[in-house]
PDB file of N, CA and C in Angstrom:
ATOM      1  N   UNK A   1     -27.407 -14.736  16.275  1.00  0.00           N
ATOM      2  CA  UNK A   1     -26.163 -14.009  16.335  1.00  0.00           C
ATOM      3  C   UNK A   1     -26.277 -12.771  15.448  1.00  0.00           C
ATOM      4  N   UNK A   2     -25.896 -11.633  15.967  1.00  0.00           N
ATOM      5  CA  UNK A   2     -25.937 -10.384  15.216  1.00  0.00           C
ATOM      6  C   UNK A   2     -24.664 -10.235  14.397  1.00  0.00           C
ATOM      7  N   UNK A   3     -24.818  -9.696  13.197  1.00  0.00           N
ATOM      8  CA  UNK A   3     -23.669  -9.435  12.327  1.00  0.00           C
ATOM      9  C   UNK A   3     -23.092  -8.078  12.685  1.00  0.00           C
ATOM     10  N   UNK A   4     -21.767  -8.035  12.893  1.00  0.00           N
ATOM     11  CA  UNK A   4     -21.082  -6.780  13.184  1.00  0.00           C
ATOM     12  C   UNK A   4     -20.295  -6.370  11.950  1.00  0.00           C
ATOM     13  N   UNK A   5     -20.837  -5.462  11.113  1.00  0.00           N
ATOM     14  CA  UNK A   5     -20.133  -5.063   9.891  1.00  0.00           C
ATOM     15  C   UNK A   5     -18.784  -4.419  10.178  1.00  0.00           C
ATOM     16  N   UNK A   6     -18.610  -3.863  11.351  1.00  0.00           N
ATOM     17  CA  UNK A   6     -17.332  -3.247  11.704  1.00  0.00           C
ATOM     18  C   UNK A   6     -16.223  -4.293  11.859  1.00  0.00           C
ATOM     19  N   UNK A   7     -16.581  -5.506  12.233  1.00  0.00           N
ATOM     20  CA  UNK A   7     -15.573  -6.565  12.370  1.00  0.00           C
ATOM     21  C   UNK A   7     -14.920  -6.844  11.023  1.00  0.00           C
ATOM     22  N   UNK A   8     -15.715  -6.906   9.966  1.00  0.00           N
ATOM     23  CA  UNK A   8     -15.175  -7.126   8.625  1.00  0.00           C
ATOM     24  C   UNK A   8     -14.404  -5.899   8.154  1.00  0.00           C
ATOM     25  N   UNK A   9     -14.910  -4.721   8.468  1.00  0.00           N
ATOM     26  CA  UNK A   9     -14.270  -3.474   8.026  1.00  0.00           C
ATOM     27  C   UNK A   9     -12.868  -3.307   8.608  1.00  0.00           C
ATOM     28  N   UNK A  10     -12.596  -3.918   9.764  1.00  0.00           N
ATOM     29  CA  UNK A  10     -11.261  -3.817  10.370  1.00  0.00           C
ATOM     30  C   UNK A  10     -10.202  -4.596   9.594  1.00  0.00           C
ATOM     31  N   UNK A  11     -10.627  -5.563   8.813  1.00  0.00           N
ATOM     32  CA  UNK A  11      -9.693  -6.365   8.020  1.00  0.00           C
ATOM     33  C   UNK A  11      -9.425  -5.647   6.702  1.00  0.00           C
ATOM     34  N   UNK A  12      -8.165  -5.357   6.431  1.00  0.00           N
ATOM     35  CA  UNK A  12      -7.794  -4.639   5.208  1.00  0.00           C
ATOM     36  C   UNK A  12      -7.395  -5.657   4.137  1.00  0.00           C
ATOM     37  N   UNK A  13      -8.348  -6.005   3.276  1.00  0.00           N
ATOM     38  CA  UNK A  13      -8.111  -6.953   2.187  1.00  0.00           C
ATOM     39  C   UNK A  13      -7.900  -6.171   0.897  1.00  0.00           C
ATOM     40  N   UNK A  14      -6.785  -6.451   0.214  1.00  0.00           N
ATOM     41  CA  UNK A  14      -6.452  -5.719  -1.007  1.00  0.00           C
ATOM     42  C   UNK A  14      -5.982  -6.685  -2.084  1.00  0.00           C
ATOM     43  N   UNK A  15      -6.083  -6.226  -3.334  1.00  0.00           N
ATOM     44  CA  UNK A  15      -5.638  -7.015  -4.482  1.00  0.00           C
ATOM     45  C   UNK A  15      -4.237  -6.558  -4.876  1.00  0.00           C
ATOM     46  N   UNK A  16      -3.370  -7.544  -5.056  1.00  0.00           N
ATOM     47  CA  UNK A  16      -2.018  -7.275  -5.536  1.00  0.00           C
ATOM     48  C   UNK A  16      -1.674  -8.233  -6.656  1.00  0.00           C
ATOM     49  N   UNK A  17      -0.522  -7.985  -7.288  1.00  0.00           N
ATOM     50  CA  UNK A  17      -0.054  -8.857  -8.365  1.00  0.00           C
ATOM     51  C   UNK A  17       1.296  -9.442  -7.958  1.00  0.00           C
ATOM     52  N   UNK A  18       1.426 -10.750  -8.072  1.00  0.00           N
ATOM     53  CA  UNK A  18       2.686 -11.399  -7.728  1.00  0.00           C
ATOM     54  C   UNK A  18       3.744 -10.995  -8.746  1.00  0.00           C
ATOM     55  N   UNK A  19       4.791 -10.336  -8.256  1.00  0.00           N
ATOM     56  CA  UNK A  19       5.869  -9.849  -9.115  1.00  0.00           C
ATOM     57  C   UNK A  19       7.060 -10.797  -9.124  1.00  0.00           C
ATOM     58  N   UNK A  20       7.284 -11.488  -8.008  1.00  0.00           N
ATOM     59  CA  UNK A  20       8.395 -12.441  -7.902  1.00  0.00           C
ATOM     60  C   UNK A  20       7.940 -13.646  -7.104  1.00  0.00           C
ATOM     61  N   UNK A  21       8.418 -14.812  -7.479  1.00  0.00           N
ATOM     62  CA  UNK A  21       8.129 -16.047  -6.753  1.00  0.00           C
ATOM     63  C   UNK A  21       9.362 -16.942  -6.839  1.00  0.00           C
ATOM     64  N   UNK A  22       9.912 -17.279  -5.686  1.00  0.00           N
ATOM     65  CA  UNK A  22      11.078 -18.149  -5.631  1.00  0.00           C
ATOM     66  C   UNK A  22      10.882 -19.169  -4.516  1.00  0.00           C
ATOM     67  N   UNK A  23      11.540 -20.290  -4.634  1.00  0.00           N
ATOM     68  CA  UNK A  23      11.441 -21.334  -3.619  1.00  0.00           C
ATOM     69  C   UNK A  23      12.112 -20.871  -2.334  1.00  0.00           C
ATOM     70  N   UNK A  24      11.426 -21.062  -1.218  1.00  0.00           N
ATOM     71  CA  UNK A  24      12.007 -20.753   0.085  1.00  0.00           C
ATOM     72  C   UNK A  24      12.686 -22.025   0.588  1.00  0.00           C
ATOM     73  N   UNK A  25      13.974 -22.113   0.375  1.00  0.00           N
ATOM     74  CA  UNK A  25      14.724 -23.326   0.712  1.00  0.00           C
ATOM     75  C   UNK A  25      14.899 -23.515   2.216  1.00  0.00           C
ATOM     76  N   UNK A  26      14.616 -22.485   3.010  1.00  0.00           N
ATOM     77  CA  UNK A  26      14.751 -22.591   4.467  1.00  0.00           C
ATOM     78  C   UNK A  26      13.463 -23.017   5.157  1.00  0.00           C
ATOM     79  N   UNK A  27      12.354 -23.052   4.434  1.00  0.00           N
ATOM     80  CA  UNK A  27      11.073 -23.441   5.027  1.00  0.00           C
ATOM     81  C   UNK A  27      11.056 -24.943   5.304  1.00  0.00           C
ATOM     82  N   UNK A  28      10.441 -25.340   6.422  1.00  0.00           N
ATOM     83  CA  UNK A  28      10.346 -26.768   6.766  1.00  0.00           C
ATOM     84  C   UNK A  28       9.459 -27.531   5.793  1.00  0.00           C
ATOM     85  N   UNK A  29       8.368 -26.884   5.356  1.00  0.00           N
ATOM     86  CA  UNK A  29       7.467 -27.446   4.353  1.00  0.00           C
ATOM     87  C   UNK A  29       7.684 -26.653   3.076  1.00  0.00           C
ATOM     88  N   UNK A  30       7.737 -27.296   1.905  1.00  0.00           N
ATOM     89  CA  UNK A  30       7.997 -26.545   0.669  1.00  0.00           C
ATOM     90  C   UNK A  30       7.086 -25.330   0.531  1.00  0.00           C
ATOM     91  N   UNK A  31       7.713 -24.185   0.265  1.00  0.00           N
ATOM     92  CA  UNK A  31       6.968 -22.921   0.175  1.00  0.00           C
ATOM     93  C   UNK A  31       7.680 -21.980  -0.786  1.00  0.00           C
ATOM     94  N   UNK A  32       6.939 -20.979  -1.224  1.00  0.00           N
ATOM     95  CA  UNK A  32       7.503 -19.936  -2.079  1.00  0.00           C
ATOM     96  C   UNK A  32       7.638 -18.638  -1.300  1.00  0.00           C
ATOM     97  N   UNK A  33       8.662 -17.883  -1.615  1.00  0.00           N
ATOM     98  CA  UNK A  33       8.803 -16.505  -1.176  1.00  0.00           C
ATOM     99  C   UNK A  33       8.186 -15.659  -2.284  1.00  0.00           C
ATOM    100  N   UNK A  34       7.278 -14.778  -1.912  1.00  0.00           N
ATOM    101  CA  UNK A  34       6.569 -13.959  -2.890  1.00  0.00           C
ATOM    102  C   UNK A  34       6.829 -12.483  -2.646  1.00  0.00           C
ATOM    103  N   UNK A  35       6.939 -11.722  -3.721  1.00  0.00           N
ATOM    104  CA  UNK A  35       6.919 -10.266  -3.669  1.00  0.00           C
ATOM    105  C   UNK A  35       5.677  -9.852  -4.440  1.00  0.00           C
ATOM    106  N   UNK A  36       4.809  -9.081  -3.776  1.00  0.00           N
ATOM    107  CA  UNK A  36       3.509  -8.735  -4.342  1.00  0.00           C
ATOM    108  C   UNK A  36       3.414  -7.221  -4.503  1.00  0.00           C
ATOM    109  N   UNK A  37       3.016  -6.791  -5.692  1.00  0.00           N
ATOM    110  CA  UNK A  37       2.902  -5.375  -6.035  1.00  0.00           C
ATOM    111  C   UNK A  37       1.470  -4.913  -5.773  1.00  0.00           C
ATOM    112  N   UNK A  38       1.336  -3.845  -4.960  1.00  0.00           N
ATOM    113  CA  UNK A  38       0.028  -3.272  -4.651  1.00  0.00           C
ATOM    114  C   UNK A  38      -0.120  -1.878  -5.246  1.00  0.00           C
ATOM    115  N   UNK A  39       0.577  -1.594  -6.347  1.00  0.00           N
ATOM    116  CA  UNK A  39       0.455  -0.300  -7.010  1.00  0.00           C
ATOM    117  C   UNK A  39       1.007   0.815  -6.149  1.00  0.00           C
ATOM    118  N   UNK A  40       0.203   1.855  -5.929  1.00  0.00           N
ATOM    119  CA  UNK A  40       0.642   3.027  -5.173  1.00  0.00           C
ATOM    120  C   UNK A  40       1.016   2.703  -3.730  1.00  0.00           C
ATOM    121  N   UNK A  41       0.485   1.614  -3.199  1.00  0.00           N
ATOM    122  CA  UNK A  41       0.800   1.205  -1.822  1.00  0.00           C
ATOM    123  C   UNK A  41       2.234   0.682  -1.728  1.00  0.00           C
ATOM    124  N   UNK A  42       2.744   0.167  -2.832  1.00  0.00           N
ATOM    125  CA  UNK A  42       4.094  -0.396  -2.861  1.00  0.00           C
ATOM    126  C   UNK A  42       4.071  -1.910  -2.883  1.00  0.00           C
ATOM    127  N   UNK A  43       5.237  -2.507  -2.677  1.00  0.00           N
ATOM    128  CA  UNK A  43       5.347  -3.966  -2.677  1.00  0.00           C
ATOM    129  C   UNK A  43       5.429  -4.474  -1.245  1.00  0.00           C
ATOM    130  N   UNK A  44       4.981  -5.711  -1.073  1.00  0.00           N
ATOM    131  CA  UNK A  44       5.061  -6.390   0.217  1.00  0.00           C
ATOM    132  C   UNK A  44       5.495  -7.824  -0.045  1.00  0.00           C
ATOM    133  N   UNK A  45       6.069  -8.438   0.974  1.00  0.00           N
ATOM    134  CA  UNK A  45       6.525  -9.829   0.893  1.00  0.00           C
ATOM    135  C   UNK A  45       5.512 -10.755   1.556  1.00  0.00           C
ATOM    136  N   UNK A  46       5.478 -11.983   1.077  1.00  0.00           N
ATOM    137  CA  UNK A  46       4.671 -13.025   1.699  1.00  0.00           C
ATOM    138  C   UNK A  46       5.341 -14.366   1.436  1.00  0.00           C
ATOM    139  N   UNK A  47       4.833 -15.389   2.063  1.00  0.00           N
ATOM    140  CA  UNK A  47       5.325 -16.743   1.842  1.00  0.00           C
ATOM    141  C   UNK A  47       4.133 -17.680   1.902  1.00  0.00           C
ATOM    142  N   UNK A  48       4.146 -18.721   1.095  1.00  0.00           N
ATOM    143  CA  UNK A  48       3.025 -19.644   1.101  1.00  0.00           C
ATOM    144  C   UNK A  48       3.389 -21.011   0.562  1.00  0.00           C
ATOM    145  N   UNK A  49       2.660 -22.002   1.018  1.00  0.00           N
ATOM    146  CA  UNK A  49       2.880 -23.395   0.624  1.00  0.00           C
ATOM    147  C   UNK A  49       2.028 -23.739  -0.593  1.00  0.00           C
ATOM    148  N   UNK A  50       2.372 -23.134  -1.719  1.00  0.00           N
ATOM    149  CA  UNK A  50       1.607 -23.308  -2.951  1.00  0.00           C
ATOM    150  C   UNK A  50       2.305 -24.219  -3.955  1.00  0.00           C
ATOM    151  N   UNK A  51       3.307 -24.958  -3.519  1.00  0.00           N
ATOM    152  CA  UNK A  51       4.141 -25.724  -4.443  1.00  0.00           C
ATOM    153  C   UNK A  51       3.421 -26.913  -5.081  1.00  0.00           C
ATOM    154  N   UNK A  52       2.352 -27.394  -4.472  1.00  0.00           N
ATOM    155  CA  UNK A  52       1.642 -28.558  -5.025  1.00  0.00           C
ATOM    156  C   UNK A  52       0.936 -28.223  -6.337  1.00  0.00           C
ATOM    157  N   UNK A  53       0.438 -26.998  -6.466  1.00  0.00           N
ATOM    158  CA  UNK A  53      -0.363 -26.643  -7.643  1.00  0.00           C
ATOM    159  C   UNK A  53       0.260 -25.590  -8.543  1.00  0.00           C
ATOM    160  N   UNK A  54       1.274 -24.883  -8.054  1.00  0.00           N
ATOM    161  CA  UNK A  54       1.812 -23.757  -8.806  1.00  0.00           C
ATOM    162  C   UNK A  54       3.330 -23.843  -8.926  1.00  0.00           C
ATOM    163  N   UNK A  55       3.834 -23.444 -10.081  1.00  0.00           N
ATOM    164  CA  UNK A  55       5.274 -23.245 -10.262  1.00  0.00           C
ATOM    165  C   UNK A  55       5.541 -21.761 -10.052  1.00  0.00           C
ATOM    166  N   UNK A  56       6.784 -21.386  -9.795  1.00  0.00           N
ATOM    167  CA  UNK A  56       7.072 -19.950  -9.660  1.00  0.00           C
ATOM    168  C   UNK A  56       6.645 -19.170 -10.904  1.00  0.00           C
ATOM    169  N   UNK A  57       6.862 -19.734 -12.070  1.00  0.00           N
ATOM    170  CA  UNK A  57       6.510 -19.056 -13.328  1.00  0.00           C
ATOM    171  C   UNK A  57       5.000 -18.848 -13.459  1.00  0.00           C
ATOM    172  N   UNK A  58       4.205 -19.793 -12.976  1.00  0.00           N
ATOM    173  CA  UNK A  58       2.748 -19.660 -13.089  1.00  0.00           C
ATOM    174  C   UNK A  58       2.181 -18.663 -12.081  1.00  0.00           C
ATOM    175  N   UNK A  59       2.938 -18.348 -11.046  1.00  0.00           N
ATOM    176  CA  UNK A  59       2.482 -17.382 -10.043  1.00  0.00           C
ATOM    177  C   UNK A  59       2.711 -15.941 -10.476  1.00  0.00           C
ATOM    178  N   UNK A  60       3.793 -15.710 -11.202  1.00  0.00           N
ATOM    179  CA  UNK A  60       4.150 -14.344 -11.584  1.00  0.00           C
ATOM    180  C   UNK A  60       3.076 -13.757 -12.506  1.00  0.00           C
ATOM    181  N   UNK A  61       2.596 -12.579 -12.146  1.00  0.00           N
ATOM    182  CA  UNK A  61       1.555 -11.901 -12.911  1.00  0.00           C
ATOM    183  C   UNK A  61       0.145 -12.174 -12.423  1.00  0.00           C
ATOM    184  N   UNK A  62      -0.024 -13.126 -11.536  1.00  0.00           N
ATOM    185  CA  UNK A  62      -1.358 -13.492 -11.033  1.00  0.00           C
ATOM    186  C   UNK A  62      -1.812 -12.469  -9.988  1.00  0.00           C
ATOM    187  N   UNK A  63      -3.073 -12.033 -10.089  1.00  0.00           N
ATOM    188  CA  UNK A  63      -3.641 -11.169  -9.065  1.00  0.00           C
ATOM    189  C   UNK A  63      -4.164 -12.031  -7.914  1.00  0.00           C
ATOM    190  N   UNK A  64      -3.875 -11.582  -6.688  1.00  0.00           N
ATOM    191  CA  UNK A  64      -4.274 -12.314  -5.494  1.00  0.00           C
ATOM    192  C   UNK A  64      -4.866 -11.351  -4.476  1.00  0.00           C
ATOM    193  N   UNK A  65      -5.655 -11.891  -3.560  1.00  0.00           N
ATOM    194  CA  UNK A  65      -6.214 -11.127  -2.452  1.00  0.00           C
ATOM    195  C   UNK A  65      -5.307 -11.345  -1.245  1.00  0.00           C
ATOM    196  N   UNK A  66      -4.981 -10.252  -0.545  1.00  0.00           N
ATOM    197  CA  UNK A  66      -4.095 -10.336   0.614  1.00  0.00           C
ATOM    198  C   UNK A  66      -4.668  -9.572   1.792  1.00  0.00           C
ATOM    199  N   UNK A  67      -4.440 -10.090   2.992  1.00  0.00           N
ATOM    200  CA  UNK A  67      -4.747  -9.371   4.229  1.00  0.00           C
ATOM    201  C   UNK A  67      -3.521  -8.525   4.549  1.00  0.00           C
ATOM    202  N   UNK A  68      -3.725  -7.214   4.613  1.00  0.00           N
ATOM    203  CA  UNK A  68      -2.613  -6.273   4.726  1.00  0.00           C
ATOM    204  C   UNK A  68      -2.255  -5.898   6.158  1.00  0.00           C
ATOM    205  N   UNK A  69      -3.193  -5.966   7.074  1.00  0.00           N
ATOM    206  CA  UNK A  69      -2.988  -5.367   8.390  1.00  0.00           C
ATOM    207  C   UNK A  69      -2.980  -6.367   9.544  1.00  0.00           C
ATOM    208  N   UNK A  70      -2.404  -7.525   9.327  1.00  0.00           N
ATOM    209  CA  UNK A  70      -2.347  -8.527  10.394  1.00  0.00           C
ATOM    210  C   UNK A  70      -0.975  -8.599  11.061  1.00  0.00           C
ATOM    211  N   UNK A  71      -0.061  -7.755  10.627  1.00  0.00           N
ATOM    212  CA  UNK A  71       1.282  -7.774  11.189  1.00  0.00           C
ATOM    213  C   UNK A  71       2.201  -8.681  10.385  1.00  0.00           C
ATOM    214  N   UNK A  72       3.473  -8.633  10.708  1.00  0.00           N
ATOM    215  CA  UNK A  72       4.476  -9.437  10.002  1.00  0.00           C
ATOM    216  C   UNK A  72       4.818 -10.683  10.814  1.00  0.00           C
ATOM    217  N   UNK A  73       5.285 -11.709  10.109  1.00  0.00           N
ATOM    218  CA  UNK A  73       5.767 -12.921  10.772  1.00  0.00           C
ATOM    219  C   UNK A  73       6.890 -13.531   9.942  1.00  0.00           C
ATOM    220  N   UNK A  74       7.804 -14.218  10.602  1.00  0.00           N
ATOM    221  CA  UNK A  74       8.918 -14.861   9.905  1.00  0.00           C
ATOM    222  C   UNK A  74       8.526 -16.298   9.585  1.00  0.00           C
ATOM    223  N   UNK A  75       8.706 -16.663   8.317  1.00  0.00           N
ATOM    224  CA  UNK A  75       8.403 -18.020   7.857  1.00  0.00           C
ATOM    225  C   UNK A  75       9.648 -18.540   7.163  1.00  0.00           C
ATOM    226  N   UNK A  76      10.281 -19.527   7.752  1.00  0.00           N
ATOM    227  CA  UNK A  76      11.485 -20.088   7.146  1.00  0.00           C
ATOM    228  C   UNK A  76      12.548 -19.031   6.880  1.00  0.00           C
ATOM    229  N   UNK A  77      12.755 -18.116   7.834  1.00  0.00           N
ATOM    230  CA  UNK A  77      13.767 -17.091   7.676  1.00  0.00           C
ATOM    231  C   UNK A  77      13.371 -15.937   6.767  1.00  0.00           C
ATOM    232  N   UNK A  78      12.129 -15.879   6.338  1.00  0.00           N
ATOM    233  CA  UNK A  78      11.650 -14.848   5.401  1.00  0.00           C
ATOM    234  C   UNK A  78      10.510 -14.091   6.064  1.00  0.00           C
ATOM    235  N   UNK A  79      10.544 -12.762   6.015  1.00  0.00           N
ATOM    236  CA  UNK A  79       9.493 -11.970   6.636  1.00  0.00           C
ATOM    237  C   UNK A  79       8.280 -11.852   5.722  1.00  0.00           C
ATOM    238  N   UNK A  80       7.147 -12.380   6.191  1.00  0.00           N
ATOM    239  CA  UNK A  80       5.877 -12.228   5.479  1.00  0.00           C
ATOM    240  C   UNK A  80       5.187 -11.000   6.041  1.00  0.00           C
ATOM    241  N   UNK A  81       4.982 -10.001   5.198  1.00  0.00           N
ATOM    242  CA  UNK A  81       4.366  -8.741   5.616  1.00  0.00           C
ATOM    243  C   UNK A  81       2.870  -8.721   5.364  1.00  0.00           C
ATOM    244  N   UNK A  82       2.392  -9.579   4.478  1.00  0.00           N
ATOM    245  CA  UNK A  82       0.963  -9.746   4.198  1.00  0.00           C
ATOM    246  C   UNK A  82       0.671 -11.234   4.114  1.00  0.00           C
ATOM    247  N   UNK A  83      -0.581 -11.583   4.294  1.00  0.00           N
ATOM    248  CA  UNK A  83      -0.999 -12.973   4.138  1.00  0.00           C
ATOM    249  C   UNK A  83      -1.873 -13.098   2.904  1.00  0.00           C
ATOM    250  N   UNK A  84      -1.511 -14.020   2.024  1.00  0.00           N
ATOM    251  CA  UNK A  84      -2.279 -14.267   0.801  1.00  0.00           C
ATOM    252  C   UNK A  84      -3.478 -15.133   1.161  1.00  0.00           C
ATOM    253  N   UNK A  85      -4.652 -14.772   0.649  1.00  0.00           N
ATOM    254  CA  UNK A  85      -5.877 -15.508   0.936  1.00  0.00           C
ATOM    255  C   UNK A  85      -5.972 -16.706  -0.006  1.00  0.00           C
ATOM    256  N   UNK A  86      -6.332 -17.847   0.560  1.00  0.00           N
ATOM    257  CA  UNK A  86      -6.478 -19.056  -0.236  1.00  0.00           C
ATOM    258  C   UNK A  86      -7.571 -19.941   0.342  1.00  0.00           C
ATOM    259  N   UNK A  87      -7.837 -21.015  -0.354  1.00  0.00           N
ATOM    260  CA  UNK A  87      -8.801 -22.017   0.098  1.00  0.00           C
ATOM    261  C   UNK A  87      -8.182 -23.387  -0.131  1.00  0.00           C
ATOM    262  N   UNK A  88      -8.546 -24.341   0.676  1.00  0.00           N
ATOM    263  CA  UNK A  88      -8.034 -25.704   0.498  1.00  0.00           C
ATOM    264  C   UNK A  88      -8.918 -26.446  -0.493  1.00  0.00           C
ATOM    265  N   UNK A  89      -8.276 -27.068  -1.485  1.00  0.00           N
ATOM    266  CA  UNK A  89      -9.000 -27.901  -2.434  1.00  0.00           C
ATOM    267  C   UNK A  89      -9.388 -29.219  -1.790  1.00  0.00           C
ATOM    268  N   UNK A  90     -10.101 -30.061  -2.529  1.00  0.00           N
ATOM    269  CA  UNK A  90     -10.556 -31.346  -2.002  1.00  0.00           C
ATOM    270  C   UNK A  90      -9.397 -32.213  -1.530  1.00  0.00           C
ATOM    271  N   UNK A  91      -8.234 -32.059  -2.171  1.00  0.00           N
ATOM    272  CA  UNK A  91      -7.063 -32.847  -1.772  1.00  0.00           C
ATOM    273  C   UNK A  91      -6.229 -32.150  -0.700  1.00  0.00           C
ATOM    274  N   UNK A  92      -6.688 -30.985  -0.237  1.00  0.00           N
ATOM    275  CA  UNK A  92      -5.977 -30.255   0.808  1.00  0.00           C
ATOM    276  C   UNK A  92      -4.968 -29.246   0.311  1.00  0.00           C
ATOM    277  N   UNK A  93      -4.696 -29.231  -0.986  1.00  0.00           N
ATOM    278  CA  UNK A  93      -3.716 -28.301  -1.536  1.00  0.00           C
ATOM    279  C   UNK A  93      -4.289 -26.882  -1.546  1.00  0.00           C
ATOM    280  N   UNK A  94      -3.480 -25.876  -1.135  1.00  0.00           N
ATOM    281  CA  UNK A  94      -3.960 -24.496  -1.142  1.00  0.00           C
ATOM    282  C   UNK A  94      -4.177 -23.970  -2.559  1.00  0.00           C
ATOM    283  N   UNK A  95      -5.309 -23.311  -2.741  1.00  0.00           N
ATOM    284  CA  UNK A  95      -5.664 -22.678  -4.009  1.00  0.00           C
ATOM    285  C   UNK A  95      -5.761 -21.178  -3.751  1.00  0.00           C
ATOM    286  N   UNK A  96      -5.083 -20.388  -4.565  1.00  0.00           N
ATOM    287  CA  UNK A  96      -5.080 -18.940  -4.390  1.00  0.00           C
ATOM    288  C   UNK A  96      -6.443 -18.341  -4.711  1.00  0.00           C
ATOM    289  N   UNK A  97      -6.798 -17.281  -3.984  1.00  0.00           N
ATOM    290  CA  UNK A  97      -8.039 -16.548  -4.224  1.00  0.00           C
ATOM    291  C   UNK A  97      -7.678 -15.217  -4.876  1.00  0.00           C
ATOM    292  N   UNK A  98      -8.363 -14.909  -5.970  1.00  0.00           N
ATOM    293  CA  UNK A  98      -8.123 -13.660  -6.680  1.00  0.00           C
ATOM    294  C   UNK A  98      -9.399 -13.176  -7.329  1.00  0.00           C
ATOM    295  N   UNK A  99      -9.390 -11.956  -7.846  1.00  0.00           N
ATOM    296  CA  UNK A  99     -10.588 -11.436  -8.509  1.00  0.00           C
ATOM    297  C   UNK A  99     -10.868 -12.186  -9.812  1.00  0.00           C
ATOM    298  N   UNK A 100     -12.126 -12.232 -10.189  1.00  0.00           N
ATOM    299  CA  UNK A 100     -12.495 -12.928 -11.419  1.00  0.00           C
ATOM    300  C   UNK A 100     -12.133 -12.131 -12.659  1.00  0.00           C
ATOM    301  N   UNK A 101     -11.874 -10.830 -12.493  1.00  0.00           N
ATOM    302  CA  UNK A 101     -11.436  -9.946 -13.575  1.00  0.00           C
ATOM    303  C   UNK A 101     -10.286  -9.099 -13.071  1.00  0.00           C
ATOM    304  N   UNK A 102      -9.584  -8.517 -14.004  1.00  0.00           N
ATOM    305  CA  UNK A 102      -8.491  -7.610 -13.670  1.00  0.00           C
ATOM    306  C   UNK A 102      -9.036  -6.398 -12.913  1.00  0.00           C
ATOM    307  N   UNK A 103      -8.402  -6.055 -11.801  1.00  0.00           N
ATOM    308  CA  UNK A 103      -8.777  -4.863 -11.035  1.00  0.00           C
ATOM    309  C   UNK A 103      -7.515  -4.047 -10.771  1.00  0.00           C
ATOM    310  N   UNK A 104      -7.657  -2.760 -10.431  1.00  0.00           N
ATOM    311  CA  UNK A 104      -6.485  -1.947 -10.138  1.00  0.00           C
ATOM    312  C   UNK A 104      -5.707  -2.501  -8.946  1.00  0.00           C
ATOM    313  N   UNK A 105      -4.393  -2.447  -9.023  1.00  0.00           N
ATOM    314  CA  UNK A 105      -3.567  -2.907  -7.908  1.00  0.00           C
ATOM    315  C   UNK A 105      -3.845  -2.061  -6.679  1.00  0.00           C
ATOM    316  N   UNK A 106      -3.974  -2.715  -5.548  1.00  0.00           N
ATOM    317  CA  UNK A 106      -4.273  -2.036  -4.298  1.00  0.00           C
ATOM    318  C   UNK A 106      -5.759  -1.886  -4.033  1.00  0.00           C
ATOM    319  N   UNK A 107      -6.613  -2.334  -4.974  1.00  0.00           N
ATOM    320  CA  UNK A 107      -8.066  -2.235  -4.769  1.00  0.00           C
ATOM    321  C   UNK A 107      -8.449  -2.943  -3.480  1.00  0.00           C
ATOM    322  N   UNK A 108      -9.332  -2.320  -2.712  1.00  0.00           N
ATOM    323  CA  UNK A 108      -9.766  -2.927  -1.454  1.00  0.00           C
ATOM    324  C   UNK A 108     -11.051  -3.716  -1.653  1.00  0.00           C
ATOM    325  N   UNK A 109     -11.199  -4.751  -0.846  1.00  0.00           N
ATOM    326  CA  UNK A 109     -12.414  -5.571  -0.894  1.00  0.00           C
ATOM    327  C   UNK A 109     -13.406  -5.022   0.105  1.00  0.00           C
ATOM    328  N   UNK A 110     -14.672  -5.167  -0.223  1.00  0.00           N
ATOM    329  CA  UNK A 110     -15.728  -4.666   0.654  1.00  0.00           C
ATOM    330  C   UNK A 110     -16.845  -5.676   0.736  1.00  0.00           C
TER     331      UNK A 110
END
């Protein structure tokens, strides 16, 4: 199978900082409503089922990787404008993916 570097380049992955995190009481599965700051790009909303491992207070200030250009979707009555990248732990709980060091808000991944 040949690798198509353009396929990866089409995905706009950026680093943001969670500015707000509140419980989404309308979601069928427990989830948080997130507001994520991308610096000069501005803020975007997202939603995620991170309640097993994170409290709202522990999310605020955390840098995360987000897919910016996949379109918006409504989750439990809340518009998610970006998708936060995560991985499932051994127990199935979502774990957030972020840079190992502080990077500028809005930094793109390559």
